Amino acid sequence: MTIAENVQHVQQTIAAARAEAGRTDTVTLVAVTKYHTIAEAQAVAATGLVDLAENRPDGLAEKQAALTAPELKWHFIGNLQKRKVKQVINKITYLHSLDRLSLAEEIEKRAERPIDCFIEVNVSGEASKSGITLAEVEPFIKSLADFKKIRVIGLMTMAPIDADEATLHVLFKKLRLKRDAVAQLNLAYAPCHELSMGMSRDYRIAVLEGATFVRVGTALFQ
């Protein structure tokens, strides 16, 4: 299948999952271009997708130099080191990996405008994954109250690569319920209406459980 056909298939799968869940809100398909060539990134953008994601500062710089259409929105989805914040933060629309106060402090120092951020949550508790625990979400968000350059728009998680469908449903539902709890706090700096969850192997289940952003790479480029 071509990249265009893959994009269409993923969009159809998302639409079907939204319908199955009885959802009327939108789901943003984020094309994860990391590890893929500039030509592949250009091909996916040519299908009309405007949300593209990278996980390394050099990869982001390389893709942005080649893809310059003003409508493109860039997402940073990897762990962002403090020393790399100044290279990235003013070149992106969304950060999906805010997980510690020291990173928030560096963003506050370097950002030229408020940045839409997802708090990364390690719902599964895997030692190999970044992110705070579910119990830490509200205290962490409240600690950001005085940060003028950070806007917490939602929560993000990555499910275990070997999780079965039942486990995926449980993990994604837990994040949705936590998102709802934060949203009910009615914090101006943390509206927290979004859920960034679901990748190539599990985005359908993520949509069924309420994902509003899905980060898909392999399924678009295979």
Protein backbone atom coordinates (compact mmCIF):
# COMPACT_ATOMS: atom_id res chain seq x y z
CA MET A 1 0.00 0.00 0.00
CA THR A 2 1.12 3.55 -0.65
CA ILE A 3 1.48 6.15 2.09
CA ALA A 4 -1.71 7.81 0.84
CA GLU A 5 -3.58 4.50 1.07
CA ASN A 6 -2.18 3.88 4.55
CA VAL A 7 -3.33 7.32 5.69
CA GLN A 8 -6.79 6.67 4.32
CA HIS A 9 -6.96 3.29 6.07
CA VAL A 10 -5.92 4.76 9.42
CA GLN A 11 -8.42 7.60 9.05
CA GLN A 12 -11.17 5.12 8.27
CA THR A 13 -10.24 3.01 11.30
CA ILE A 14 -10.36 6.10 13.52
CA ALA A 15 -13.74 7.11 12.10
CA ALA A 16 -15.15 3.63 12.67
CA ALA A 17 -13.88 3.56 16.27
CA ARG A 18 -15.37 6.99 16.93
CA ALA A 19 -18.70 5.80 15.59
CA GLU A 20 -18.53 2.58 17.65
CA ALA A 21 -17.88 4.61 20.78
CA GLY A 22 -20.67 7.04 19.95
CA ARG A 23 -18.26 9.97 19.92
CA THR A 24 -18.98 13.31 18.27
CA ASP A 25 -15.71 15.06 19.13
CA THR A 26 -12.64 15.06 16.92
CA VAL A 27 -9.52 12.89 16.87
CA THR A 28 -6.29 14.37 15.56
CA LEU A 29 -4.07 11.98 13.61
CA VAL A 30 -0.43 12.83 14.34
CA ALA A 31 1.98 11.40 11.77
CA VAL A 32 5.13 10.27 13.55
CA THR A 33 7.90 10.91 11.03
CA LYS A 34 10.82 9.95 13.29
CA TYR A 35 13.12 7.36 11.67
CA HIS A 36 11.53 8.11 8.28
CA THR A 37 13.02 10.00 5.37
CA ILE A 38 12.25 13.55 4.31
CA ALA A 39 10.62 12.14 1.17
CA GLU A 40 8.33 9.97 3.28
CA ALA A 41 7.44 12.92 5.49
CA GLN A 42 6.69 15.00 2.41
CA ALA A 43 4.49 12.21 1.07
CA VAL A 44 2.44 12.02 4.25
CA ALA A 45 2.05 15.80 4.34
CA ALA A 46 0.91 15.69 0.71
CA THR A 47 -2.12 13.66 1.81
CA GLY A 48 -3.36 16.64 3.80
CA LEU A 49 -2.13 15.68 7.25
CA VAL A 50 -0.80 18.77 9.00
CA ASP A 51 0.24 17.30 12.37
CA LEU A 52 3.74 15.81 12.30
CA ALA A 53 5.84 14.50 15.18
CA GLU A 54 9.52 14.03 15.92
CA ASN A 55 11.30 12.78 19.04
CA ARG A 56 14.79 14.25 18.63
CA PRO A 57 15.86 17.89 18.22
CA ASP A 58 18.05 17.13 15.20
CA GLY A 59 15.28 15.16 13.51
CA LEU A 60 12.87 18.01 14.10
CA ALA A 61 15.30 20.56 12.64
CA GLU A 62 15.94 18.38 9.59
CA LYS A 63 12.26 17.84 8.81
CA GLN A 64 11.31 21.45 9.43
CA ALA A 65 14.02 22.66 7.07
CA ALA A 66 12.52 20.51 4.30
CA LEU A 67 8.81 20.88 5.05
CA THR A 68 8.02 24.57 5.30
CA ALA A 69 4.28 24.78 4.63
CA PRO A 70 2.85 27.27 7.15
CA GLU A 71 -0.13 25.07 8.01
CA LEU A 72 2.06 22.29 9.45
CA LYS A 73 1.92 21.76 13.20
CA TRP A 74 4.92 20.12 14.82
CA HIS A 75 4.71 17.86 17.86
CA PHE A 76 7.66 16.84 20.03
CA ILE A 77 6.94 13.40 21.46
CA GLY A 78 10.24 12.26 22.93
CA ASN A 79 11.96 12.83 26.24
CA LEU A 80 13.21 16.41 26.13
CA GLN A 81 16.48 17.08 27.93
CA LYS A 82 16.80 20.42 29.70
CA ARG A 83 19.84 21.38 27.65
CA LYS A 84 17.91 20.81 24.43
CA VAL A 85 14.82 22.85 25.36
CA LYS A 86 16.09 26.04 23.69
CA GLN A 87 16.58 24.16 20.41
CA VAL A 88 13.02 22.86 20.34
CA ILE A 89 10.48 24.75 22.37
CA ASN A 90 9.81 27.70 20.06
CA LYS A 91 9.62 25.49 16.96
CA ILE A 92 6.75 23.27 18.07
CA THR A 93 3.01 23.57 18.63
CA TYR A 94 2.69 20.69 21.09
CA LEU A 95 4.94 19.00 23.65
CA HIS A 96 3.76 15.50 24.59
CA SER A 97 6.34 14.71 27.26
CA LEU A 98 6.24 17.13 30.19
CA ASP A 99 7.07 14.95 33.19
CA ARG A 100 9.16 16.91 35.69
CA LEU A 101 9.39 20.31 37.31
CA SER A 102 12.95 20.96 36.13
CA LEU A 103 11.78 20.65 32.52
CA ALA A 104 8.88 23.00 33.19
CA GLU A 105 11.28 25.54 34.68
CA GLU A 106 13.49 25.42 31.59
CA ILE A 107 10.48 25.81 29.29
CA GLU A 108 9.36 28.81 31.34
CA LYS A 109 12.80 30.31 30.86
CA ARG A 110 13.14 29.63 27.12
CA ALA A 111 9.64 29.79 25.62
CA GLU A 112 8.59 32.94 23.80
CA ARG A 113 4.88 32.12 24.12
CA PRO A 114 2.67 29.70 26.07
CA ILE A 115 3.29 26.11 24.94
CA ASP A 116 0.51 23.53 24.73
CA CYS A 117 1.75 20.61 26.82
CA PHE A 118 0.64 17.09 27.61
CA ILE A 119 1.69 15.66 30.97
CA GLU A 120 3.32 12.28 30.36
CA VAL A 121 1.84 9.64 32.66
CA ASN A 122 3.28 6.17 33.18
CA VAL A 123 -0.07 4.46 33.68
CA SER A 124 1.31 0.92 33.41
CA GLY A 125 4.11 1.51 35.92
CA GLU A 126 6.79 0.08 33.63
CA ALA A 127 10.27 0.85 34.93
CA SER A 128 11.52 1.40 31.38
CA LYS A 129 9.06 4.22 30.66
CA SER A 130 9.19 7.90 31.51
CA GLY A 131 6.30 9.76 33.07
CA ILE A 132 4.74 10.44 36.43
CA THR A 133 2.28 8.15 38.20
CA LEU A 134 -1.47 8.64 38.11
CA ALA A 135 -1.38 9.69 41.77
CA GLU A 136 1.17 12.40 41.01
CA VAL A 137 -0.83 14.05 38.21
CA GLU A 138 -2.90 16.55 40.22
CA PRO A 139 -0.06 17.61 42.55
CA PHE A 140 2.27 18.08 39.60
CA ILE A 141 -0.24 20.13 37.64
CA LYS A 142 -0.96 22.30 40.69
CA SER A 143 2.79 22.95 41.01
CA LEU A 144 2.66 24.60 37.57
CA ALA A 145 0.16 27.28 38.60
CA ASP A 146 2.63 30.17 38.34
CA PHE A 147 4.19 29.11 35.04
CA LYS A 148 3.05 31.57 32.37
CA LYS A 149 4.57 29.68 29.42
CA ILE A 150 2.98 26.29 30.08
CA ARG A 151 -0.61 25.39 29.22
CA VAL A 152 -1.58 21.86 30.20
CA ILE A 153 -4.02 20.80 27.51
CA GLY A 154 -4.11 17.11 28.37
CA LEU A 155 -2.46 13.87 29.45
CA MET A 156 -0.32 11.46 27.44
CA THR A 157 0.67 7.83 27.90
CA MET A 158 2.36 4.95 26.10
CA ALA A 159 0.98 1.46 26.63
CA PRO A 160 3.23 -1.60 27.03
CA ILE A 161 4.21 -3.07 23.69
CA ASP A 162 3.01 -6.53 24.72
CA ALA A 163 -0.29 -5.52 26.37
CA ASP A 164 -3.37 -7.46 25.27
CA GLU A 165 -6.61 -5.73 24.28
CA ALA A 166 -8.23 -6.05 27.70
CA THR A 167 -5.20 -4.48 29.37
CA LEU A 168 -5.11 -1.67 26.80
CA HIS A 169 -8.74 -0.82 27.50
CA VAL A 170 -8.03 -0.68 31.24
CA LEU A 171 -4.91 1.50 30.90
CA PHE A 172 -6.45 3.96 28.46
CA LYS A 173 -9.63 4.23 30.54
CA LYS A 174 -7.55 5.04 33.63
CA LEU A 175 -5.92 7.95 31.80
CA ARG A 176 -9.29 9.19 30.55
CA LEU A 177 -10.73 9.17 34.06
CA LYS A 178 -7.69 11.05 35.35
CA ARG A 179 -8.06 13.59 32.53
CA ASP A 180 -11.68 14.09 33.50
CA ALA A 181 -10.72 14.61 37.15
CA VAL A 182 -8.18 17.29 36.23
CA ALA A 183 -10.59 19.02 33.86
CA GLN A 184 -13.12 19.26 36.69
CA LEU A 185 -10.63 21.34 38.68
CA ASN A 186 -11.35 24.18 36.21
CA LEU A 187 -7.78 25.47 36.20
CA ALA A 188 -7.28 28.23 33.63
CA TYR A 189 -3.68 27.16 32.95
CA ALA A 190 -4.63 23.48 32.75
CA PRO A 191 -7.91 22.97 30.85
CA CYS A 192 -6.81 19.37 30.28
CA HIS A 193 -9.43 18.41 27.71
CA GLU A 194 -7.16 16.27 25.51
CA LEU A 195 -5.81 12.72 25.60
CA SER A 196 -2.68 11.78 23.64
CA MET A 197 -2.69 7.98 23.58
CA GLY A 198 -2.57 5.24 20.99
CA MET A 199 0.12 4.30 18.49
CA SER A 200 0.17 2.12 15.38
CA ARG A 201 -0.56 -1.11 17.25
CA ASP A 202 -3.28 0.19 19.57
CA TYR A 203 -4.73 3.46 18.26
CA ARG A 204 -8.14 1.92 17.55
CA ILE A 205 -8.57 0.90 21.19
CA ALA A 206 -7.27 4.29 22.30
CA VAL A 207 -9.97 6.01 20.24
CA LEU A 208 -12.61 3.71 21.71
CA GLU A 209 -11.43 4.85 25.15
CA GLY A 210 -11.43 8.57 24.34
CA ALA A 211 -8.11 9.50 22.72
CA THR A 212 -8.23 12.90 21.02
CA PHE A 213 -4.68 12.68 19.62
CA VAL A 214 -3.22 9.42 18.26
CA ARG A 215 0.48 9.20 17.38
CA VAL A 216 0.86 6.88 14.39
CA GLY A 217 4.06 6.10 12.53
CA THR A 218 4.55 2.52 11.32
CA ALA A 219 0.97 2.11 10.12
CA LEU A 220 1.39 5.10 7.80
CA PHE A 221 4.77 4.21 6.34
CA GLN A 222 4.87 0.37 6.24
